[in-house]
Amino acid sequence: MVATYILDENELNESFYNQLKQQFKNKKIAITITEAVDETDYLLANPANAKHLLEAINNSKKENGLLKKMNISDLKSQIGE
């Protein structure tokens, strides 16, 4: 079993500890602690990646024929339902 917990340091309390003990009762466990990184900050940290992502966002905002807004009934008629 693999479990990932993302929490603030103030949530590391006796209740959390007891929850872990109950969840992994009679099992050997390994605990690795890393600092959680905001995914948006991580993706934008690399300049080339940030440029690509921002261009993709701008392109999606333009109605350049690549994206088409439709409601459910439009979609159903497109797929023949």
Protein backbone atom coordinates (compact mmCIF):
# COMPACT_ATOMS: atom_id res chain seq x y z
CA MET A 1 0.00 0.00 0.00
CA VAL A 2 1.19 3.49 -0.83
CA ALA A 3 -0.25 6.60 0.78
CA THR A 4 0.69 10.22 0.16
CA TYR A 5 -0.24 12.90 2.64
CA ILE A 6 0.15 16.59 1.85
CA LEU A 7 -0.34 18.66 4.95
CA ASP A 8 0.82 21.67 6.88
CA GLU A 9 3.37 21.20 9.63
CA ASN A 10 0.79 22.07 12.28
CA GLU A 11 -1.20 18.98 11.21
CA LEU A 12 1.65 16.74 12.36
CA ASN A 13 0.03 16.02 15.68
CA GLU A 14 -0.84 13.07 17.87
CA SER A 15 -4.10 12.49 15.99
CA PHE A 16 -2.23 12.17 12.66
CA TYR A 17 0.32 9.87 14.29
CA ASN A 18 -2.46 7.65 15.68
CA GLN A 19 -4.15 7.58 12.27
CA LEU A 20 -0.91 6.35 10.68
CA LYS A 21 -0.50 3.70 13.34
CA GLN A 22 -4.02 2.43 12.75
CA GLN A 23 -3.76 2.51 8.97
CA PHE A 24 -0.49 0.58 8.90
CA LYS A 25 -1.11 -1.61 11.94
CA ASN A 26 1.38 -4.50 12.23
CA LYS A 27 3.29 -3.38 9.12
CA LYS A 28 6.78 -2.04 8.66
CA ILE A 29 6.65 1.42 7.07
CA ALA A 30 9.12 3.86 5.55
CA ILE A 31 8.55 7.57 6.00
CA THR A 32 10.07 10.08 3.59
CA ILE A 33 9.46 13.76 4.11
CA THR A 34 9.82 16.32 1.32
CA GLU A 35 8.73 19.88 1.06
CA ALA A 36 5.61 20.16 -1.11
CA VAL A 37 6.10 22.38 -4.15
CA ASP A 38 3.30 24.37 -5.74
CA GLU A 39 2.77 22.73 -9.15
CA THR A 40 2.20 26.02 -10.97
CA ASP A 41 5.39 27.54 -9.55
CA TYR A 42 7.29 24.38 -10.46
CA LEU A 43 6.03 24.36 -14.05
CA LEU A 44 6.76 28.05 -14.54
CA ALA A 45 10.24 27.91 -12.95
CA ASN A 46 11.85 26.73 -16.19
CA PRO A 47 11.83 29.67 -18.66
CA ALA A 48 11.39 27.48 -21.76
CA ASN A 49 8.55 25.56 -20.14
CA ALA A 50 6.93 28.78 -18.91
CA LYS A 51 7.07 30.26 -22.42
CA HIS A 52 5.49 27.14 -23.91
CA LEU A 53 2.73 27.01 -21.30
CA LEU A 54 1.91 30.71 -21.54
CA GLU A 55 1.78 30.48 -25.35
CA ALA A 56 -0.58 27.52 -25.05
CA ILE A 57 -2.82 29.49 -22.69
CA ASN A 58 -2.87 32.46 -25.05
CA ASN A 59 -3.60 30.23 -28.04
CA SER A 60 -6.48 28.58 -26.22
CA LYS A 61 -7.98 31.99 -25.49
CA LYS A 62 -7.95 32.93 -29.17
CA GLU A 63 -10.68 31.55 -31.33
CA ASN A 64 -8.28 30.34 -33.99
CA GLY A 65 -10.28 27.35 -35.15
CA LEU A 66 -8.40 24.91 -32.93
CA LEU A 67 -10.94 25.12 -30.15
CA LYS A 68 -14.67 25.16 -30.50
CA LYS A 69 -17.10 25.93 -27.71
CA MET A 70 -20.12 23.66 -27.61
CA ASN A 71 -22.78 22.55 -25.22
CA ILE A 72 -23.83 18.96 -24.51
CA SER A 73 -26.51 18.85 -27.22
CA ASP A 74 -23.99 20.13 -29.81
CA LEU A 75 -21.53 17.44 -28.73
CA LYS A 76 -24.15 14.70 -28.92
CA SER A 77 -25.15 15.76 -32.44
CA GLN A 78 -21.47 15.71 -33.46
CA ILE A 79 -21.05 12.11 -32.30
CA GLY A 80 -24.41 10.98 -33.67
CA GLU A 81 -26.45 10.53 -30.51
